[in-house]
Amino acid sequence: QSKPPASVTAGRAKLFELVAHWLTRIGTAASEPYAQDVKKECLRTFRTERGTSKTVKASSLVPLAVLFKLRALQANAPETIATAKELRVDFERHTANTQRVKANILSAIAAMHDGTGAGGRAGGDGKKEKVNPLSFEFQADYEKF
């Protein structure tokens, strides 16, 4: 299988950036219906993107960080911790990651963790609850990093 031309790679990266811009523009309430699908596609692309150019891999994290900042994801605590763990493992193990990929991993984790977008809502009861997957209290209830 041949490598796609640079224009295709650039277009795919721009598409993720466009989705992130669009999510920011429409806001939390309007983005919630799309949030799980966007998250799924971002993580799928992040996991499967190979090759020396990491442009698409880096760009796939931009909409994910926006979703966390908006608190648009209705993720439960184990889901959120699994996402944070996956990103952390990739950051630590994949030495071929570019600086941009590493920066976007940290941005996504920070968006999950900080007070402005801590991973959406925990539980399925509809109550808004801050989820800090990297806090010590939270880790004790689920699994250790």
N, C-alpha and C. Protein backbone atom coordinates (compact mmCIF):
# COMPACT_ATOMS: atom_id res chain seq x y z
N GLN A 1 0.85 -1.18 0.00
CA GLN A 1 0.00 0.00 0.00
C GLN A 1 0.89 1.24 0.00
N SER A 2 0.62 2.14 -0.92
CA SER A 2 1.46 3.32 -1.06
C SER A 2 1.03 4.42 -0.08
N LYS A 3 1.98 5.27 0.18
CA LYS A 3 1.76 6.40 1.08
C LYS A 3 0.92 7.46 0.36
N PRO A 4 -0.10 8.02 1.04
CA PRO A 4 -0.91 9.06 0.39
C PRO A 4 -0.07 10.31 0.13
N PRO A 5 -0.44 11.07 -0.88
CA PRO A 5 0.31 12.31 -1.16
C PRO A 5 0.21 13.29 0.02
N ALA A 6 1.16 14.19 0.07
CA ALA A 6 1.20 15.18 1.15
C ALA A 6 -0.07 16.01 1.21
N SER A 7 -0.67 16.27 0.06
CA SER A 7 -1.90 17.08 0.05
C SER A 7 -3.05 16.37 0.75
N VAL A 8 -3.11 15.04 0.64
CA VAL A 8 -4.15 14.27 1.33
C VAL A 8 -3.92 14.32 2.84
N THR A 9 -2.68 14.13 3.24
CA THR A 9 -2.35 14.20 4.67
C THR A 9 -2.67 15.58 5.23
N ALA A 10 -2.29 16.61 4.51
CA ALA A 10 -2.58 17.98 4.96
C ALA A 10 -4.08 18.23 5.04
N GLY A 11 -4.82 17.71 4.08
CA GLY A 11 -6.27 17.87 4.08
C GLY A 11 -6.93 17.17 5.25
N ARG A 12 -6.46 15.98 5.57
CA ARG A 12 -7.01 15.25 6.72
C ARG A 12 -6.74 16.01 8.01
N ALA A 13 -5.53 16.55 8.14
CA ALA A 13 -5.18 17.32 9.34
C ALA A 13 -6.06 18.58 9.44
N LYS A 14 -6.24 19.26 8.33
CA LYS A 14 -7.07 20.47 8.33
C LYS A 14 -8.52 20.14 8.67
N LEU A 15 -8.98 18.97 8.27
CA LEU A 15 -10.35 18.56 8.59
C LEU A 15 -10.55 18.45 10.10
N PHE A 16 -9.59 17.86 10.80
CA PHE A 16 -9.70 17.77 12.26
C PHE A 16 -9.68 19.16 12.89
N GLU A 17 -8.85 20.04 12.36
CA GLU A 17 -8.81 21.40 12.88
C GLU A 17 -10.12 22.14 12.61
N LEU A 18 -10.72 21.87 11.46
CA LEU A 18 -12.02 22.47 11.14
C LEU A 18 -13.10 21.97 12.10
N VAL A 19 -13.09 20.69 12.39
CA VAL A 19 -14.06 20.12 13.34
C VAL A 19 -13.89 20.78 14.70
N ALA A 20 -12.66 20.95 15.14
CA ALA A 20 -12.41 21.60 16.44
C ALA A 20 -12.95 23.03 16.44
N HIS A 21 -12.70 23.75 15.37
CA HIS A 21 -13.20 25.12 15.25
C HIS A 21 -14.74 25.14 15.28
N TRP A 22 -15.33 24.22 14.54
CA TRP A 22 -16.79 24.12 14.47
C TRP A 22 -17.37 23.82 15.85
N LEU A 23 -16.77 22.87 16.58
CA LEU A 23 -17.27 22.53 17.92
C LEU A 23 -17.20 23.74 18.85
N THR A 24 -16.11 24.47 18.77
CA THR A 24 -15.96 25.67 19.59
C THR A 24 -17.03 26.70 19.25
N ARG A 25 -17.26 26.82 17.98
CA ARG A 25 -18.22 27.84 17.51
C ARG A 25 -19.66 27.51 17.91
N ILE A 26 -20.06 26.24 17.84
CA ILE A 26 -21.45 25.90 18.15
C ILE A 26 -21.70 25.76 19.65
N GLY A 27 -20.65 25.55 20.44
CA GLY A 27 -20.80 25.50 21.89
C GLY A 27 -21.18 24.14 22.44
N THR A 28 -21.29 24.09 23.74
CA THR A 28 -21.50 22.82 24.45
C THR A 28 -22.83 22.16 24.10
N ALA A 29 -23.91 22.86 24.25
CA ALA A 29 -25.23 22.25 24.05
C ALA A 29 -25.40 21.70 22.64
N ALA A 30 -24.97 22.46 21.66
CA ALA A 30 -25.13 22.01 20.27
C ALA A 30 -24.14 20.92 19.89
N SER A 31 -23.01 20.83 20.59
CA SER A 31 -22.02 19.81 20.24
C SER A 31 -22.24 18.47 20.94
N GLU A 32 -23.03 18.46 22.00
CA GLU A 32 -23.25 17.22 22.75
C GLU A 32 -23.76 16.06 21.89
N PRO A 33 -24.70 16.27 20.96
CA PRO A 33 -25.16 15.14 20.15
C PRO A 33 -24.06 14.49 19.30
N TYR A 34 -23.02 15.25 18.99
CA TYR A 34 -21.94 14.75 18.15
C TYR A 34 -20.72 14.30 18.94
N ALA A 35 -20.69 14.61 20.21
CA ALA A 35 -19.48 14.47 21.01
C ALA A 35 -18.92 13.04 21.03
N GLN A 36 -19.76 12.06 21.27
CA GLN A 36 -19.25 10.67 21.34
C GLN A 36 -18.70 10.20 20.00
N ASP A 37 -19.37 10.55 18.91
CA ASP A 37 -18.89 10.15 17.59
C ASP A 37 -17.57 10.84 17.25
N VAL A 38 -17.47 12.11 17.58
CA VAL A 38 -16.23 12.85 17.32
C VAL A 38 -15.11 12.25 18.16
N LYS A 39 -15.38 11.98 19.42
CA LYS A 39 -14.37 11.38 20.30
C LYS A 39 -13.91 10.04 19.74
N LYS A 40 -14.86 9.21 19.34
CA LYS A 40 -14.52 7.89 18.82
C LYS A 40 -13.62 7.99 17.59
N GLU A 41 -13.96 8.88 16.66
CA GLU A 41 -13.16 9.04 15.45
C GLU A 41 -11.78 9.62 15.75
N CYS A 42 -11.73 10.57 16.66
CA CYS A 42 -10.43 11.16 17.04
C CYS A 42 -9.51 10.11 17.64
N LEU A 43 -10.03 9.32 18.56
CA LEU A 43 -9.21 8.29 19.18
C LEU A 43 -8.84 7.18 18.20
N ARG A 44 -9.76 6.82 17.30
CA ARG A 44 -9.44 5.80 16.30
C ARG A 44 -8.30 6.28 15.41
N THR A 45 -8.38 7.51 14.96
CA THR A 45 -7.33 8.06 14.11
C THR A 45 -6.03 8.18 14.88
N PHE A 46 -6.10 8.63 16.11
CA PHE A 46 -4.90 8.76 16.94
C PHE A 46 -4.20 7.41 17.10
N ARG A 47 -4.98 6.36 17.33
CA ARG A 47 -4.41 5.02 17.53
C ARG A 47 -3.83 4.42 16.26
N THR A 48 -4.46 4.67 15.13
CA THR A 48 -4.11 3.94 13.91
C THR A 48 -3.21 4.71 12.95
N GLU A 49 -3.01 5.97 13.16
CA GLU A 49 -2.20 6.76 12.21
C GLU A 49 -0.74 6.33 12.31
N ARG A 50 -0.18 5.94 11.20
CA ARG A 50 1.20 5.46 11.14
C ARG A 50 1.98 6.30 10.13
N GLY A 51 3.26 6.06 10.08
CA GLY A 51 4.08 6.75 9.11
C GLY A 51 4.96 7.79 9.77
N THR A 52 5.83 8.34 8.98
CA THR A 52 6.79 9.30 9.52
C THR A 52 6.15 10.65 9.78
N SER A 53 5.16 11.01 8.99
CA SER A 53 4.47 12.27 9.20
C SER A 53 3.38 12.07 10.24
N LYS A 54 3.48 12.80 11.31
CA LYS A 54 2.52 12.66 12.42
C LYS A 54 1.51 13.80 12.43
N THR A 55 1.37 14.49 11.31
CA THR A 55 0.48 15.64 11.23
C THR A 55 -0.96 15.28 11.56
N VAL A 56 -1.46 14.20 10.97
CA VAL A 56 -2.84 13.80 11.21
C VAL A 56 -3.01 13.29 12.63
N LYS A 57 -2.04 12.55 13.13
CA LYS A 57 -2.11 12.05 14.51
C LYS A 57 -2.20 13.22 15.49
N ALA A 58 -1.38 14.23 15.27
CA ALA A 58 -1.41 15.40 16.15
C ALA A 58 -2.74 16.14 16.04
N SER A 59 -3.22 16.32 14.83
CA SER A 59 -4.46 17.07 14.61
C SER A 59 -5.68 16.34 15.14
N SER A 60 -5.62 15.03 15.21
CA SER A 60 -6.77 14.26 15.70
C SER A 60 -7.08 14.55 17.16
N LEU A 61 -6.12 15.07 17.89
CA LEU A 61 -6.33 15.37 19.31
C LEU A 61 -6.96 16.75 19.55
N VAL A 62 -6.94 17.61 18.56
CA VAL A 62 -7.45 18.97 18.73
C VAL A 62 -8.96 18.98 19.02
N PRO A 63 -9.80 18.27 18.23
CA PRO A 63 -11.22 18.27 18.58
C PRO A 63 -11.50 17.60 19.93
N LEU A 64 -10.70 16.60 20.26
CA LEU A 64 -10.88 15.92 21.54
C LEU A 64 -10.65 16.89 22.71
N ALA A 65 -9.59 17.67 22.62
CA ALA A 65 -9.32 18.66 23.67
C ALA A 65 -10.45 19.68 23.76
N VAL A 66 -10.99 20.08 22.62
CA VAL A 66 -12.10 21.04 22.61
C VAL A 66 -13.32 20.44 23.31
N LEU A 67 -13.61 19.18 23.02
CA LEU A 67 -14.76 18.53 23.67
C LEU A 67 -14.60 18.50 25.18
N PHE A 68 -13.39 18.22 25.65
CA PHE A 68 -13.16 18.22 27.09
C PHE A 68 -13.27 19.62 27.68
N LYS A 69 -12.76 20.61 26.97
CA LYS A 69 -12.86 21.99 27.46
C LYS A 69 -14.32 22.45 27.53
N LEU A 70 -15.11 22.03 26.56
CA LEU A 70 -16.53 22.40 26.54
C LEU A 70 -17.37 21.59 27.53
N ARG A 71 -16.81 20.52 28.04
CA ARG A 71 -17.55 19.56 28.87
C ARG A 71 -18.73 18.98 28.11
N ALA A 72 -18.51 18.70 26.84
CA ALA A 72 -19.57 18.19 25.97
C ALA A 72 -19.68 16.68 26.01
N LEU A 73 -18.67 16.00 26.54
CA LEU A 73 -18.71 14.54 26.59
C LEU A 73 -19.43 14.06 27.83
N GLN A 74 -20.30 13.12 27.63
CA GLN A 74 -20.98 12.51 28.77
C GLN A 74 -20.28 11.19 29.07
N ALA A 75 -19.05 11.31 29.53
CA ALA A 75 -18.22 10.13 29.79
C ALA A 75 -18.30 9.78 31.27
N ASN A 76 -18.32 8.48 31.53
CA ASN A 76 -18.28 8.07 32.92
C ASN A 76 -16.82 8.03 33.39
N ALA A 77 -16.63 7.87 34.67
CA ALA A 77 -15.30 7.95 35.24
C ALA A 77 -14.34 6.90 34.66
N PRO A 78 -14.72 5.63 34.56
CA PRO A 78 -13.78 4.64 33.99
C PRO A 78 -13.40 4.95 32.54
N GLU A 79 -14.35 5.45 31.75
CA GLU A 79 -14.07 5.83 30.36
C GLU A 79 -13.05 6.96 30.29
N THR A 80 -13.25 7.95 31.14
CA THR A 80 -12.37 9.10 31.16
C THR A 80 -10.97 8.69 31.59
N ILE A 81 -10.88 7.84 32.59
CA ILE A 81 -9.56 7.41 33.05
C ILE A 81 -8.87 6.56 31.99
N ALA A 82 -9.63 5.75 31.26
CA ALA A 82 -9.05 4.94 30.19
C ALA A 82 -8.50 5.82 29.08
N THR A 83 -9.21 6.87 28.74
CA THR A 83 -8.73 7.80 27.70
C THR A 83 -7.46 8.50 28.16
N ALA A 84 -7.45 8.97 29.40
CA ALA A 84 -6.27 9.65 29.94
C ALA A 84 -5.08 8.70 29.98
N LYS A 85 -5.34 7.47 30.37
CA LYS A 85 -4.26 6.47 30.45
C LYS A 85 -3.70 6.16 29.06
N GLU A 86 -4.59 6.00 28.08
CA GLU A 86 -4.15 5.73 26.71
C GLU A 86 -3.26 6.85 26.18
N LEU A 87 -3.67 8.08 26.43
CA LEU A 87 -2.87 9.22 25.97
C LEU A 87 -1.52 9.27 26.69
N ARG A 88 -1.54 9.03 27.97
CA ARG A 88 -0.29 9.06 28.74
C ARG A 88 0.67 7.98 28.28
N VAL A 89 0.15 6.77 28.06
CA VAL A 89 1.00 5.67 27.60
C VAL A 89 1.62 6.00 26.24
N ASP A 90 0.82 6.54 25.34
CA ASP A 90 1.35 6.92 24.03
C ASP A 90 2.43 7.98 24.17
N PHE A 91 2.22 8.93 25.04
CA PHE A 91 3.21 9.99 25.27
C PHE A 91 4.53 9.40 25.76
N GLU A 92 4.44 8.44 26.66
CA GLU A 92 5.65 7.88 27.27
C GLU A 92 6.36 6.86 26.39
N ARG A 93 5.63 6.07 25.63
CA ARG A 93 6.23 4.94 24.92
C ARG A 93 6.64 5.21 23.49
N HIS A 94 5.98 6.09 22.82
CA HIS A 94 6.25 6.28 21.39
C HIS A 94 7.26 7.40 21.19
N THR A 95 8.50 6.99 21.06
CA THR A 95 9.58 7.96 20.91
C THR A 95 9.56 8.64 19.54
N ALA A 96 8.86 8.06 18.57
CA ALA A 96 8.79 8.65 17.23
C ALA A 96 7.79 9.80 17.16
N ASN A 97 7.04 10.04 18.22
CA ASN A 97 6.09 11.14 18.21
C ASN A 97 6.82 12.47 18.06
N THR A 98 6.25 13.34 17.26
CA THR A 98 6.82 14.67 17.08
C THR A 98 6.50 15.53 18.31
N GLN A 99 7.13 16.68 18.36
CA GLN A 99 6.84 17.61 19.46
C GLN A 99 5.39 18.07 19.42
N ARG A 100 4.85 18.21 18.21
CA ARG A 100 3.45 18.63 18.09
C ARG A 100 2.51 17.56 18.64
N VAL A 101 2.78 16.29 18.36
CA VAL A 101 1.95 15.20 18.90
C VAL A 101 2.02 15.23 20.42
N LYS A 102 3.23 15.34 20.95
CA LYS A 102 3.39 15.37 22.41
C LYS A 102 2.67 16.56 23.03
N ALA A 103 2.77 17.70 22.40
CA ALA A 103 2.10 18.90 22.91
C ALA A 103 0.58 18.72 22.89
N ASN A 104 0.05 18.12 21.83
CA ASN A 104 -1.40 17.92 21.75
C ASN A 104 -1.88 16.85 22.72
N ILE A 105 -1.05 15.86 23.00
CA ILE A 105 -1.40 14.87 24.04
C ILE A 105 -1.52 15.58 25.38
N LEU A 106 -0.54 16.39 25.70
CA LEU A 106 -0.58 17.12 26.98
C LEU A 106 -1.75 18.09 27.04
N SER A 107 -2.07 18.73 25.93
CA SER A 107 -3.22 19.64 25.89
C SER A 107 -4.52 18.90 26.14
N ALA A 108 -4.67 17.72 25.55
CA ALA A 108 -5.88 16.93 25.75
C ALA A 108 -5.99 16.46 27.20
N ILE A 109 -4.89 16.01 27.77
CA ILE A 109 -4.91 15.57 29.17
C ILE A 109 -5.20 16.76 30.08
N ALA A 110 -4.60 17.89 29.80
CA ALA A 110 -4.86 19.10 30.61
C ALA A 110 -6.31 19.52 30.52
N ALA A 111 -6.90 19.42 29.34
CA ALA A 111 -8.31 19.78 29.18
C ALA A 111 -9.20 18.85 29.99
N MET A 112 -8.80 17.59 30.12
CA MET A 112 -9.56 16.64 30.94
C MET A 112 -9.44 17.00 32.42
N HIS A 113 -8.27 17.47 32.78
CA HIS A 113 -7.93 17.61 34.19
C HIS A 113 -8.23 18.98 34.78
N ASP A 114 -8.12 20.03 33.99
CA ASP A 114 -8.25 21.35 34.59
C ASP A 114 -9.69 21.70 34.91
N GLY A 115 -9.86 22.78 35.59
CA GLY A 115 -11.18 23.18 36.05
C GLY A 115 -12.11 23.64 34.95
N THR A 116 -11.60 23.92 33.76
CA THR A 116 -12.47 24.41 32.70
C THR A 116 -13.07 23.30 31.87
N GLY A 117 -12.57 22.10 31.97
CA GLY A 117 -13.11 21.03 31.15
C GLY A 117 -12.65 19.70 31.63
N ALA A 118 -13.14 19.27 32.74
CA ALA A 118 -12.59 18.10 33.39
C ALA A 118 -13.24 16.80 32.97
N GLY A 119 -13.50 16.64 31.71
CA GLY A 119 -13.91 15.34 31.23
C GLY A 119 -15.40 15.10 31.19
N GLY A 120 -16.19 16.13 31.25
CA GLY A 120 -17.62 15.92 31.10
C GLY A 120 -18.30 15.56 32.39
N ARG A 121 -19.22 14.62 32.30
CA ARG A 121 -20.03 14.25 33.45
C ARG A 121 -19.76 12.83 33.86
N ALA A 122 -19.72 12.61 35.14
CA ALA A 122 -19.53 11.26 35.64
C ALA A 122 -20.90 10.66 35.91
N GLY A 123 -20.93 9.35 35.85
CA GLY A 123 -22.19 8.66 36.12
C GLY A 123 -23.18 8.86 35.00
N GLY A 124 -24.33 8.29 35.11
CA GLY A 124 -25.33 8.44 34.08
C GLY A 124 -26.58 9.09 34.62
N ASP A 125 -26.46 9.77 35.75
CA ASP A 125 -27.63 10.31 36.41
C ASP A 125 -28.00 11.71 35.94
N GLY A 126 -27.26 12.27 34.99
CA GLY A 126 -27.58 13.58 34.46
C GLY A 126 -27.06 14.73 35.29
N LYS A 127 -26.48 14.45 36.45
CA LYS A 127 -25.92 15.51 37.27
C LYS A 127 -24.56 15.91 36.72
N LYS A 128 -24.32 17.21 36.71
CA LYS A 128 -23.02 17.67 36.27
C LYS A 128 -22.03 17.44 37.40
N GLU A 129 -20.98 16.73 37.08
CA GLU A 129 -19.98 16.44 38.09
C GLU A 129 -18.60 16.56 37.46
N LYS A 130 -17.72 17.22 38.15
CA LYS A 130 -16.36 17.40 37.67
C LYS A 130 -15.60 16.08 37.82
N VAL A 131 -14.94 15.66 36.75
CA VAL A 131 -14.15 14.44 36.78
C VAL A 131 -12.70 14.83 36.56
N ASN A 132 -11.87 14.61 37.55
CA ASN A 132 -10.44 14.89 37.44
C ASN A 132 -9.70 13.56 37.42
N PRO A 133 -9.48 12.97 36.24
CA PRO A 133 -8.92 11.64 36.18
C PRO A 133 -7.50 11.53 36.71
N LEU A 134 -6.84 12.63 36.93
CA LEU A 134 -5.46 12.55 37.40
C LEU A 134 -5.32 12.90 38.88
N SER A 135 -6.43 13.20 39.57
CA SER A 135 -6.34 13.54 40.98
C SER A 135 -6.16 12.28 41.82
N PHE A 136 -5.53 12.43 42.95
CA PHE A 136 -5.25 11.28 43.80
C PHE A 136 -6.51 10.65 44.37
N GLU A 137 -7.49 11.48 44.73
CA GLU A 137 -8.73 10.93 45.29
C GLU A 137 -9.45 10.08 44.26
N PHE A 138 -9.49 10.53 43.05
CA PHE A 138 -10.17 9.83 41.96
C PHE A 138 -9.47 8.51 41.66
N GLN A 139 -8.16 8.53 41.61
CA GLN A 139 -7.39 7.34 41.31
C GLN A 139 -7.63 6.24 42.33
N ALA A 140 -7.74 6.63 43.59
CA ALA A 140 -7.91 5.64 44.65
C ALA A 140 -9.20 4.85 44.47
N ASP A 141 -10.22 5.47 43.91
CA ASP A 141 -11.49 4.78 43.72
C ASP A 141 -11.48 3.82 42.54
N TYR A 142 -10.61 4.00 41.60
CA TYR A 142 -10.65 3.18 40.39
C TYR A 142 -9.40 2.35 40.21
N GLU A 143 -8.38 2.91 39.66
CA GLU A 143 -7.16 2.16 39.44
C GLU A 143 -5.98 3.09 39.57
N LYS A 144 -4.85 2.53 39.89
CA LYS A 144 -3.65 3.35 40.05
C LYS A 144 -2.96 3.51 38.70
N PHE A 145 -2.41 4.71 38.50
CA PHE A 145 -1.64 4.96 37.27
C PHE A 145 -0.26 4.39 37.44
